[in-house]
């Protein structure tokens, strides 16, 4: 464990246990257990995975939409779930299913959650797009991280009645890390809670660590941290900038805090960054 990661993670099991008791973290869905069991086989069967997914109309439709999305550059159109799995690969399908199960598992105000999931889906698209362009992270890992990056937000919203105000304050704080604002009020933050959920659900360790550290931009200059984790964090900063631009906002405090470090880690010049963000913006509009 790196120094940065150690500072971000709860330091005692008692602290973690207290968080688990006070903040409802949904248990791993049985459908996800079935999927992960099949993925653990030496040769996972697309047909069996299609059978798991096919029992849910919403999941089947979402998989086909993703398989035919410009973010994956599919030249052909998938017409069945099994065909979509063959186009995308079993790991990418697992990432999609995991995100949909998270959406089903988390309760809250429907209008607030709809906006949250919309941004999460947009972030996942951005991470898939940039990871493929830069060839620095598997698309399924990038997609899962994008969907689960802020999964702690609705959990904290359910636990603390004033969390929406805290969230707004953190979004508009130009100096402090986002999670520092949360820590000051609740002695925990959405990144730590999201990390706990990711671990409980058996997600990739790279995803869990990246969730924990995605607002701590010191990690981008920390060579002791795994490069895969640092790359996911860097891509999340690019994604945030792209989402803010898509919504017509010129200012992104997260970009101001971590943009330079993210581009340095990814080896992007100013012009290359601008070109990549232009391509991402165009892809967002193509998807609409």
C-alpha atoms as a PDB file:
ATOM      1  CA  UNK A   1       0.000   0.000   0.000  1.00  0.00           C
ATOM      2  CA  UNK A   2       1.353   3.418  -0.875  1.00  0.00           C
ATOM      3  CA  UNK A   3       1.571   6.376   1.473  1.00  0.00           C
ATOM      4  CA  UNK A   4      -1.161   8.247  -0.380  1.00  0.00           C
ATOM      5  CA  UNK A   5      -3.469   5.230  -0.334  1.00  0.00           C
ATOM      6  CA  UNK A   6      -2.814   4.596   3.342  1.00  0.00           C
ATOM      7  CA  UNK A   7      -3.849   8.139   4.184  1.00  0.00           C
ATOM      8  CA  UNK A   8      -7.090   7.795   2.210  1.00  0.00           C
ATOM      9  CA  UNK A   9      -8.201   4.439   3.600  1.00  0.00           C
ATOM     10  CA  UNK A  10      -9.784   4.042   7.068  1.00  0.00           C
ATOM     11  CA  UNK A  11      -6.911   3.146   9.358  1.00  0.00           C
ATOM     12  CA  UNK A  12      -8.608   0.699  11.711  1.00  0.00           C
ATOM     13  CA  UNK A  13     -11.033  -2.151  11.161  1.00  0.00           C
ATOM     14  CA  UNK A  14     -13.247  -0.668  13.857  1.00  0.00           C
ATOM     15  CA  UNK A  15     -13.589   2.509  11.816  1.00  0.00           C
ATOM     16  CA  UNK A  16     -14.481   0.551   8.704  1.00  0.00           C
ATOM     17  CA  UNK A  17     -16.982  -1.565  10.662  1.00  0.00           C
ATOM     18  CA  UNK A  18     -18.616   1.578  12.038  1.00  0.00           C
ATOM     19  CA  UNK A  19     -18.979   2.981   8.527  1.00  0.00           C
ATOM     20  CA  UNK A  20     -20.516  -0.260   7.324  1.00  0.00           C
ATOM     21  CA  UNK A  21     -23.056  -0.169  10.136  1.00  0.00           C
ATOM     22  CA  UNK A  22     -24.055   3.479   9.766  1.00  0.00           C
ATOM     23  CA  UNK A  23     -24.133   3.695   5.959  1.00  0.00           C
ATOM     24  CA  UNK A  24     -26.134   1.083   4.098  1.00  0.00           C
ATOM     25  CA  UNK A  25     -23.912  -0.531   1.488  1.00  0.00           C
ATOM     26  CA  UNK A  26     -26.003  -2.861  -0.694  1.00  0.00           C
ATOM     27  CA  UNK A  27     -24.916  -6.512  -0.650  1.00  0.00           C
ATOM     28  CA  UNK A  28     -23.555  -8.075  -3.810  1.00  0.00           C
ATOM     29  CA  UNK A  29     -26.529  -9.058  -6.018  1.00  0.00           C
ATOM     30  CA  UNK A  30     -27.018 -12.778  -6.663  1.00  0.00           C
ATOM     31  CA  UNK A  31     -27.036 -12.108 -10.419  1.00  0.00           C
ATOM     32  CA  UNK A  32     -23.558 -10.604 -10.118  1.00  0.00           C
ATOM     33  CA  UNK A  33     -22.407 -13.658  -8.163  1.00  0.00           C
ATOM     34  CA  UNK A  34     -23.676 -15.874 -11.018  1.00  0.00           C
ATOM     35  CA  UNK A  35     -21.893 -13.734 -13.584  1.00  0.00           C
ATOM     36  CA  UNK A  36     -18.612 -13.621 -11.667  1.00  0.00           C
ATOM     37  CA  UNK A  37     -18.762 -17.391 -11.192  1.00  0.00           C
ATOM     38  CA  UNK A  38     -19.050 -17.889 -14.961  1.00  0.00           C
ATOM     39  CA  UNK A  39     -16.257 -15.369 -15.619  1.00  0.00           C
ATOM     40  CA  UNK A  40     -14.003 -17.312 -13.241  1.00  0.00           C
ATOM     41  CA  UNK A  41     -14.257 -20.370 -15.508  1.00  0.00           C
ATOM     42  CA  UNK A  42     -11.205 -21.092 -17.693  1.00  0.00           C
ATOM     43  CA  UNK A  43     -13.313 -20.475 -20.815  1.00  0.00           C
ATOM     44  CA  UNK A  44     -16.388 -18.322 -19.972  1.00  0.00           C
ATOM     45  CA  UNK A  45     -19.355 -19.128 -22.171  1.00  0.00           C
ATOM     46  CA  UNK A  46     -20.994 -16.203 -24.012  1.00  0.00           C
ATOM     47  CA  UNK A  47     -24.121 -18.340 -24.308  1.00  0.00           C
ATOM     48  CA  UNK A  48     -24.369 -18.824 -20.532  1.00  0.00           C
ATOM     49  CA  UNK A  49     -23.701 -15.125 -19.935  1.00  0.00           C
ATOM     50  CA  UNK A  50     -26.384 -14.285 -22.504  1.00  0.00           C
ATOM     51  CA  UNK A  51     -28.787 -16.502 -20.555  1.00  0.00           C
ATOM     52  CA  UNK A  52     -27.981 -14.613 -17.326  1.00  0.00           C
ATOM     53  CA  UNK A  53     -28.462 -11.228 -18.972  1.00  0.00           C
ATOM     54  CA  UNK A  54     -31.416 -12.311 -21.099  1.00  0.00           C
ATOM     55  CA  UNK A  55     -33.646 -12.765 -18.055  1.00  0.00           C
ATOM     56  CA  UNK A  56     -33.779  -8.969 -17.665  1.00  0.00           C
ATOM     57  CA  UNK A  57     -35.251  -6.956 -20.547  1.00  0.00           C
ATOM     58  CA  UNK A  58     -33.619  -3.716 -19.392  1.00  0.00           C
ATOM     59  CA  UNK A  59     -30.172  -5.297 -19.219  1.00  0.00           C
ATOM     60  CA  UNK A  60     -30.578  -6.913 -22.622  1.00  0.00           C
ATOM     61  CA  UNK A  61     -31.529  -3.594 -24.185  1.00  0.00           C
ATOM     62  CA  UNK A  62     -28.671  -1.764 -22.476  1.00  0.00           C
ATOM     63  CA  UNK A  63     -26.159  -4.336 -23.686  1.00  0.00           C
ATOM     64  CA  UNK A  64     -27.325  -4.037 -27.287  1.00  0.00           C
ATOM     65  CA  UNK A  65     -27.223  -0.241 -27.069  1.00  0.00           C
ATOM     66  CA  UNK A  66     -23.648  -0.369 -25.780  1.00  0.00           C
ATOM     67  CA  UNK A  67     -22.572  -2.936 -28.378  1.00  0.00           C
ATOM     68  CA  UNK A  68     -23.817  -0.615 -31.127  1.00  0.00           C
ATOM     69  CA  UNK A  69     -22.463   2.557 -29.537  1.00  0.00           C
ATOM     70  CA  UNK A  70     -19.961   4.797 -31.368  1.00  0.00           C
ATOM     71  CA  UNK A  71     -17.821   4.650 -28.213  1.00  0.00           C
ATOM     72  CA  UNK A  72     -16.918   1.095 -29.218  1.00  0.00           C
ATOM     73  CA  UNK A  73     -16.647   1.867 -32.905  1.00  0.00           C
ATOM     74  CA  UNK A  74     -18.686  -1.156 -33.943  1.00  0.00           C
ATOM     75  CA  UNK A  75     -18.768  -1.548 -37.710  1.00  0.00           C
ATOM     76  CA  UNK A  76     -21.603  -4.079 -37.464  1.00  0.00           C
ATOM     77  CA  UNK A  77     -24.864  -3.965 -35.548  1.00  0.00           C
ATOM     78  CA  UNK A  78     -25.548  -6.572 -32.871  1.00  0.00           C
ATOM     79  CA  UNK A  79     -29.044  -8.012 -33.191  1.00  0.00           C
ATOM     80  CA  UNK A  80     -29.060 -10.359 -30.199  1.00  0.00           C
ATOM     81  CA  UNK A  81     -27.646 -10.432 -26.681  1.00  0.00           C
ATOM     82  CA  UNK A  82     -25.245 -13.242 -27.519  1.00  0.00           C
ATOM     83  CA  UNK A  83     -24.070 -11.378 -30.615  1.00  0.00           C
ATOM     84  CA  UNK A  84     -23.569  -8.260 -28.501  1.00  0.00           C
ATOM     85  CA  UNK A  85     -21.459 -10.259 -26.060  1.00  0.00           C
ATOM     86  CA  UNK A  86     -19.338 -11.582 -28.918  1.00  0.00           C
ATOM     87  CA  UNK A  87     -18.844  -8.036 -30.239  1.00  0.00           C
ATOM     88  CA  UNK A  88     -17.971  -6.523 -26.875  1.00  0.00           C
ATOM     89  CA  UNK A  89     -16.296  -9.431 -25.111  1.00  0.00           C
ATOM     90  CA  UNK A  90     -17.384 -11.064 -21.878  1.00  0.00           C
ATOM     91  CA  UNK A  91     -15.470  -8.676 -19.613  1.00  0.00           C
ATOM     92  CA  UNK A  92     -17.058  -5.567 -21.099  1.00  0.00           C
ATOM     93  CA  UNK A  93     -20.497  -7.157 -20.796  1.00  0.00           C
ATOM     94  CA  UNK A  94     -19.758  -7.937 -17.165  1.00  0.00           C
ATOM     95  CA  UNK A  95     -18.865  -4.286 -16.590  1.00  0.00           C
ATOM     96  CA  UNK A  96     -22.178  -3.190 -18.071  1.00  0.00           C
ATOM     97  CA  UNK A  97     -24.190  -5.679 -16.047  1.00  0.00           C
ATOM     98  CA  UNK A  98     -22.419  -4.701 -12.832  1.00  0.00           C
ATOM     99  CA  UNK A  99     -23.315  -1.052 -13.382  1.00  0.00           C
ATOM    100  CA  UNK A 100     -26.963  -1.872 -14.068  1.00  0.00           C
ATOM    101  CA  UNK A 101     -27.161  -3.982 -10.926  1.00  0.00           C
ATOM    102  CA  UNK A 102     -25.746  -1.075  -8.929  1.00  0.00           C
ATOM    103  CA  UNK A 103     -28.489   1.151 -10.279  1.00  0.00           C
ATOM    104  CA  UNK A 104     -31.127  -1.356  -9.184  1.00  0.00           C
ATOM    105  CA  UNK A 105     -29.565  -1.843  -5.748  1.00  0.00           C
ATOM    106  CA  UNK A 106     -29.354   1.803  -4.644  1.00  0.00           C
ATOM    107  CA  UNK A 107     -32.420   3.550  -3.285  1.00  0.00           C
ATOM    108  CA  UNK A 108     -33.057   7.278  -3.223  1.00  0.00           C
ATOM    109  CA  UNK A 109     -34.961  10.181  -4.697  1.00  0.00           C
ATOM    110  CA  UNK A 110     -35.719   9.185  -8.280  1.00  0.00           C
ATOM    111  CA  UNK A 111     -35.069  12.589  -9.845  1.00  0.00           C
ATOM    112  CA  UNK A 112     -31.770  13.022  -8.009  1.00  0.00           C
ATOM    113  CA  UNK A 113     -30.659   9.500  -8.902  1.00  0.00           C
ATOM    114  CA  UNK A 114     -31.631   9.865 -12.557  1.00  0.00           C
ATOM    115  CA  UNK A 115     -29.297  12.850 -12.838  1.00  0.00           C
ATOM    116  CA  UNK A 116     -26.578  10.952 -10.946  1.00  0.00           C
ATOM    117  CA  UNK A 117     -26.805   7.878 -13.184  1.00  0.00           C
ATOM    118  CA  UNK A 118     -26.833  10.024 -16.299  1.00  0.00           C
ATOM    119  CA  UNK A 119     -23.528  11.603 -15.299  1.00  0.00           C
ATOM    120  CA  UNK A 120     -22.128   8.202 -14.278  1.00  0.00           C
ATOM    121  CA  UNK A 121     -23.021   6.735 -17.682  1.00  0.00           C
ATOM    122  CA  UNK A 122     -21.463   9.734 -19.405  1.00  0.00           C
ATOM    123  CA  UNK A 123     -18.295   9.320 -17.341  1.00  0.00           C
ATOM    124  CA  UNK A 124     -18.116   5.624 -18.202  1.00  0.00           C
ATOM    125  CA  UNK A 125     -18.439   6.486 -21.898  1.00  0.00           C
ATOM    126  CA  UNK A 126     -15.674   9.060 -21.595  1.00  0.00           C
ATOM    127  CA  UNK A 127     -13.363   6.640 -19.818  1.00  0.00           C
ATOM    128  CA  UNK A 128     -13.950   3.930 -22.401  1.00  0.00           C
ATOM    129  CA  UNK A 129     -13.341   6.412 -25.223  1.00  0.00           C
ATOM    130  CA  UNK A 130     -10.131   7.872 -23.785  1.00  0.00           C
ATOM    131  CA  UNK A 131      -8.744   4.526 -22.619  1.00  0.00           C
ATOM    132  CA  UNK A 132      -9.175   3.126 -26.120  1.00  0.00           C
ATOM    133  CA  UNK A 133      -7.676   6.217 -27.751  1.00  0.00           C
ATOM    134  CA  UNK A 134      -4.647   6.233 -25.472  1.00  0.00           C
ATOM    135  CA  UNK A 135      -4.416   2.447 -25.111  1.00  0.00           C
ATOM    136  CA  UNK A 136      -3.630   2.610 -21.449  1.00  0.00           C
ATOM    137  CA  UNK A 137      -6.432   0.679 -19.695  1.00  0.00           C
ATOM    138  CA  UNK A 138      -8.749  -2.203 -20.614  1.00  0.00           C
ATOM    139  CA  UNK A 139     -12.102  -0.713 -21.698  1.00  0.00           C
ATOM    140  CA  UNK A 140     -14.075  -2.935 -19.303  1.00  0.00           C
ATOM    141  CA  UNK A 141     -12.008  -1.760 -16.326  1.00  0.00           C
ATOM    142  CA  UNK A 142     -12.346   1.866 -17.451  1.00  0.00           C
ATOM    143  CA  UNK A 143     -16.101   1.419 -17.893  1.00  0.00           C
ATOM    144  CA  UNK A 144     -16.586  -0.131 -14.454  1.00  0.00           C
ATOM    145  CA  UNK A 145     -14.511   2.577 -12.802  1.00  0.00           C
ATOM    146  CA  UNK A 146     -16.506   5.262 -14.606  1.00  0.00           C
ATOM    147  CA  UNK A 147     -19.799   3.852 -13.382  1.00  0.00           C
ATOM    148  CA  UNK A 148     -18.647   3.258  -9.806  1.00  0.00           C
ATOM    149  CA  UNK A 149     -16.351   6.265  -9.397  1.00  0.00           C
ATOM    150  CA  UNK A 150     -18.948   8.268  -7.435  1.00  0.00           C
ATOM    151  CA  UNK A 151     -21.122   5.393  -6.224  1.00  0.00           C
ATOM    152  CA  UNK A 152     -20.634   6.587  -2.642  1.00  0.00           C
ATOM    153  CA  UNK A 153     -22.544   9.809  -3.393  1.00  0.00           C
ATOM    154  CA  UNK A 154     -26.094   8.364  -3.307  1.00  0.00           C
ATOM    155  CA  UNK A 155     -25.159   6.219  -0.300  1.00  0.00           C
ATOM    156  CA  UNK A 156     -24.091   9.305   1.644  1.00  0.00           C
ATOM    157  CA  UNK A 157     -27.166  11.160   0.414  1.00  0.00           C
ATOM    158  CA  UNK A 158     -29.322   8.425   1.940  1.00  0.00           C
ATOM    159  CA  UNK A 159     -27.417   8.598   5.220  1.00  0.00           C
ATOM    160  CA  UNK A 160     -27.087  12.370   5.758  1.00  0.00           C
ATOM    161  CA  UNK A 161     -30.013  14.724   5.180  1.00  0.00           C
ATOM    162  CA  UNK A 162     -27.720  17.681   4.473  1.00  0.00           C
ATOM    163  CA  UNK A 163     -25.420  15.821   2.081  1.00  0.00           C
ATOM    164  CA  UNK A 164     -26.763  17.629  -1.007  1.00  0.00           C
ATOM    165  CA  UNK A 165     -25.515  20.919   0.472  1.00  0.00           C
ATOM    166  CA  UNK A 166     -22.154  19.353   1.277  1.00  0.00           C
ATOM    167  CA  UNK A 167     -21.898  18.021  -2.263  1.00  0.00           C
ATOM    168  CA  UNK A 168     -22.560  21.461  -3.728  1.00  0.00           C
ATOM    169  CA  UNK A 169     -19.995  23.023  -1.399  1.00  0.00           C
ATOM    170  CA  UNK A 170     -17.390  20.437  -2.401  1.00  0.00           C
ATOM    171  CA  UNK A 171     -18.111  20.979  -6.112  1.00  0.00           C
ATOM    172  CA  UNK A 172     -17.565  24.716  -5.701  1.00  0.00           C
ATOM    173  CA  UNK A 173     -14.486  24.620  -3.464  1.00  0.00           C
ATOM    174  CA  UNK A 174     -11.547  25.839  -5.532  1.00  0.00           C
ATOM    175  CA  UNK A 175      -8.879  24.909  -2.982  1.00  0.00           C
ATOM    176  CA  UNK A 176      -9.632  21.828  -0.897  1.00  0.00           C
ATOM    177  CA  UNK A 177      -9.909  18.301  -2.304  1.00  0.00           C
ATOM    178  CA  UNK A 178     -13.529  17.286  -2.798  1.00  0.00           C
ATOM    179  CA  UNK A 179     -13.254  14.534  -0.195  1.00  0.00           C
ATOM    180  CA  UNK A 180     -11.724  16.907   2.379  1.00  0.00           C
ATOM    181  CA  UNK A 181     -14.999  18.848   2.476  1.00  0.00           C
ATOM    182  CA  UNK A 182     -16.904  15.616   3.136  1.00  0.00           C
ATOM    183  CA  UNK A 183     -14.385  14.401   5.724  1.00  0.00           C
ATOM    184  CA  UNK A 184     -14.659  17.651   7.672  1.00  0.00           C
ATOM    185  CA  UNK A 185     -18.421  17.153   8.118  1.00  0.00           C
ATOM    186  CA  UNK A 186     -18.908  13.395   8.305  1.00  0.00           C
ATOM    187  CA  UNK A 187     -15.496  11.858   9.056  1.00  0.00           C
ATOM    188  CA  UNK A 188     -15.873   9.870   5.843  1.00  0.00           C
ATOM    189  CA  UNK A 189     -16.278  10.575   2.142  1.00  0.00           C
ATOM    190  CA  UNK A 190     -17.856   9.147  -0.992  1.00  0.00           C
ATOM    191  CA  UNK A 191     -14.541   7.786  -2.287  1.00  0.00           C
ATOM    192  CA  UNK A 192     -13.954   5.663   0.824  1.00  0.00           C
ATOM    193  CA  UNK A 193     -17.541   4.407   0.836  1.00  0.00           C
ATOM    194  CA  UNK A 194     -17.380   3.643  -2.882  1.00  0.00           C
ATOM    195  CA  UNK A 195     -14.169   1.695  -2.347  1.00  0.00           C
ATOM    196  CA  UNK A 196     -15.848  -0.422   0.338  1.00  0.00           C
ATOM    197  CA  UNK A 197     -18.761  -1.217  -1.979  1.00  0.00           C
ATOM    198  CA  UNK A 198     -16.408  -2.119  -4.827  1.00  0.00           C
ATOM    199  CA  UNK A 199     -14.493  -4.485  -2.562  1.00  0.00           C
ATOM    200  CA  UNK A 200     -17.701  -6.056  -1.219  1.00  0.00           C
ATOM    201  CA  UNK A 201     -18.945  -6.608  -4.752  1.00  0.00           C
ATOM    202  CA  UNK A 202     -15.732  -8.295  -5.855  1.00  0.00           C
ATOM    203  CA  UNK A 203     -14.715  -5.653  -8.384  1.00  0.00           C
ATOM    204  CA  UNK A 204     -11.168  -5.376  -9.710  1.00  0.00           C
ATOM    205  CA  UNK A 205      -8.633  -4.144  -7.121  1.00  0.00           C
ATOM    206  CA  UNK A 206      -7.526  -1.504  -9.649  1.00  0.00           C
ATOM    207  CA  UNK A 207     -11.103  -0.183  -9.716  1.00  0.00           C
ATOM    208  CA  UNK A 208     -11.393  -0.220  -5.911  1.00  0.00           C
ATOM    209  CA  UNK A 209      -8.137   1.676  -5.398  1.00  0.00           C
ATOM    210  CA  UNK A 210      -8.897   4.155  -8.162  1.00  0.00           C
ATOM    211  CA  UNK A 211     -12.296   4.886  -6.594  1.00  0.00           C
ATOM    212  CA  UNK A 212     -10.597   5.518  -3.260  1.00  0.00           C
ATOM    213  CA  UNK A 213      -8.016   7.871  -4.752  1.00  0.00           C
ATOM    214  CA  UNK A 214      -9.852   9.610  -7.581  1.00  0.00           C
ATOM    215  CA  UNK A 215      -9.989  13.010  -5.842  1.00  0.00           C
ATOM    216  CA  UNK A 216      -6.474  12.778  -4.370  1.00  0.00           C
ATOM    217  CA  UNK A 217      -4.352  14.037  -7.232  1.00  0.00           C
ATOM    218  CA  UNK A 218      -1.109  13.592  -5.275  1.00  0.00           C
ATOM    219  CA  UNK A 219      -1.317   9.975  -6.386  1.00  0.00           C
ATOM    220  CA  UNK A 220      -0.634  11.007  -9.994  1.00  0.00           C
ATOM    221  CA  UNK A 221       2.910  11.976  -9.016  1.00  0.00           C
ATOM    222  CA  UNK A 222       3.394   9.016  -6.667  1.00  0.00           C
ATOM    223  CA  UNK A 223       5.511   6.344  -8.436  1.00  0.00           C
ATOM    224  CA  UNK A 224       4.840   3.914  -5.578  1.00  0.00           C
ATOM    225  CA  UNK A 225       1.193   3.675  -6.647  1.00  0.00           C
ATOM    226  CA  UNK A 226       0.344   1.122  -9.324  1.00  0.00           C
ATOM    227  CA  UNK A 227       0.424   2.708 -12.766  1.00  0.00           C
ATOM    228  CA  UNK A 228      -2.961   1.220 -13.705  1.00  0.00           C
ATOM    229  CA  UNK A 229      -4.598   2.986 -10.761  1.00  0.00           C
ATOM    230  CA  UNK A 230      -2.900   6.280 -11.553  1.00  0.00           C
ATOM    231  CA  UNK A 231      -3.999   6.037 -15.183  1.00  0.00           C
ATOM    232  CA  UNK A 232      -7.639   5.526 -14.181  1.00  0.00           C
ATOM    233  CA  UNK A 233      -7.484   8.541 -11.883  1.00  0.00           C
ATOM    234  CA  UNK A 234      -5.906  10.633 -14.660  1.00  0.00           C
ATOM    235  CA  UNK A 235      -8.571   9.535 -17.148  1.00  0.00           C
ATOM    236  CA  UNK A 236     -11.282  10.497 -14.657  1.00  0.00           C
ATOM    237  CA  UNK A 237      -9.967  14.064 -14.617  1.00  0.00           C
ATOM    238  CA  UNK A 238     -10.157  14.197 -18.426  1.00  0.00           C
ATOM    239  CA  UNK A 239     -13.663  12.733 -18.279  1.00  0.00           C
ATOM    240  CA  UNK A 240     -14.771  15.364 -15.777  1.00  0.00           C
ATOM    241  CA  UNK A 241     -13.489  18.126 -18.036  1.00  0.00           C
ATOM    242  CA  UNK A 242     -15.294  16.593 -20.998  1.00  0.00           C
ATOM    243  CA  UNK A 243     -18.581  16.259 -19.097  1.00  0.00           C
ATOM    244  CA  UNK A 244     -18.425  19.856 -17.887  1.00  0.00           C
ATOM    245  CA  UNK A 245     -17.818  21.006 -21.449  1.00  0.00           C
ATOM    246  CA  UNK A 246     -20.697  18.880 -22.742  1.00  0.00           C
ATOM    247  CA  UNK A 247     -23.001  20.640 -20.275  1.00  0.00           C
ATOM    248  CA  UNK A 248     -21.759  24.046 -21.399  1.00  0.00           C
ATOM    249  CA  UNK A 249     -19.639  24.839 -18.351  1.00  0.00           C
ATOM    250  CA  UNK A 250     -16.288  26.418 -19.009  1.00  0.00           C
ATOM    251  CA  UNK A 251     -14.990  26.035 -15.441  1.00  0.00           C
ATOM    252  CA  UNK A 252     -14.085  22.712 -13.832  1.00  0.00           C
ATOM    253  CA  UNK A 253     -12.487  22.940 -10.400  1.00  0.00           C
ATOM    254  CA  UNK A 254     -11.417  19.307 -10.589  1.00  0.00           C
ATOM    255  CA  UNK A 255      -9.571  20.109 -13.812  1.00  0.00           C
ATOM    256  CA  UNK A 256      -7.940  23.109 -12.157  1.00  0.00           C
ATOM    257  CA  UNK A 257      -6.816  20.922  -9.261  1.00  0.00           C
ATOM    258  CA  UNK A 258      -5.672  17.852 -11.182  1.00  0.00           C
ATOM    259  CA  UNK A 259      -5.568  18.592 -14.911  1.00  0.00           C
ATOM    260  CA  UNK A 260      -1.853  19.338 -15.183  1.00  0.00           C
ATOM    261  CA  UNK A 261      -0.890  16.254 -13.187  1.00  0.00           C
ATOM    262  CA  UNK A 262      -3.296  14.071 -15.191  1.00  0.00           C
ATOM    263  CA  UNK A 263      -1.911  15.224 -18.546  1.00  0.00           C
ATOM    264  CA  UNK A 264       1.648  14.835 -17.309  1.00  0.00           C
ATOM    265  CA  UNK A 265       0.966  11.256 -16.222  1.00  0.00           C
ATOM    266  CA  UNK A 266      -0.756  10.428 -19.523  1.00  0.00           C
ATOM    267  CA  UNK A 267       2.046  12.061 -21.528  1.00  0.00           C
ATOM    268  CA  UNK A 268      -0.299  14.504 -23.246  1.00  0.00           C
ATOM    269  CA  UNK A 269       0.774  17.914 -24.481  1.00  0.00           C
ATOM    270  CA  UNK A 270      -1.614  20.856 -24.311  1.00  0.00           C
ATOM    271  CA  UNK A 271      -2.502  20.471 -27.996  1.00  0.00           C
ATOM    272  CA  UNK A 272      -2.970  16.712 -27.703  1.00  0.00           C
ATOM    273  CA  UNK A 273      -5.255  17.213 -24.705  1.00  0.00           C
ATOM    274  CA  UNK A 274      -7.333  19.771 -26.584  1.00  0.00           C
ATOM    275  CA  UNK A 275      -7.649  17.427 -29.580  1.00  0.00           C
ATOM    276  CA  UNK A 276      -8.679  14.506 -27.374  1.00  0.00           C
ATOM    277  CA  UNK A 277     -11.313  16.588 -25.592  1.00  0.00           C
ATOM    278  CA  UNK A 278     -12.622  17.773 -28.977  1.00  0.00           C
ATOM    279  CA  UNK A 279     -12.969  14.165 -30.131  1.00  0.00           C
ATOM    280  CA  UNK A 280     -14.703  13.222 -26.883  1.00  0.00           C
ATOM    281  CA  UNK A 281     -17.109  16.143 -27.254  1.00  0.00           C
ATOM    282  CA  UNK A 282     -17.975  15.031 -30.768  1.00  0.00           C
ATOM    283  CA  UNK A 283     -18.531  11.453 -29.579  1.00  0.00           C
ATOM    284  CA  UNK A 284     -20.881  12.672 -26.845  1.00  0.00           C
ATOM    285  CA  UNK A 285     -22.988  14.498 -29.420  1.00  0.00           C
ATOM    286  CA  UNK A 286     -22.977  11.502 -31.765  1.00  0.00           C
ATOM    287  CA  UNK A 287     -24.331   9.362 -28.917  1.00  0.00           C
ATOM    288  CA  UNK A 288     -27.282  11.662 -28.197  1.00  0.00           C
END
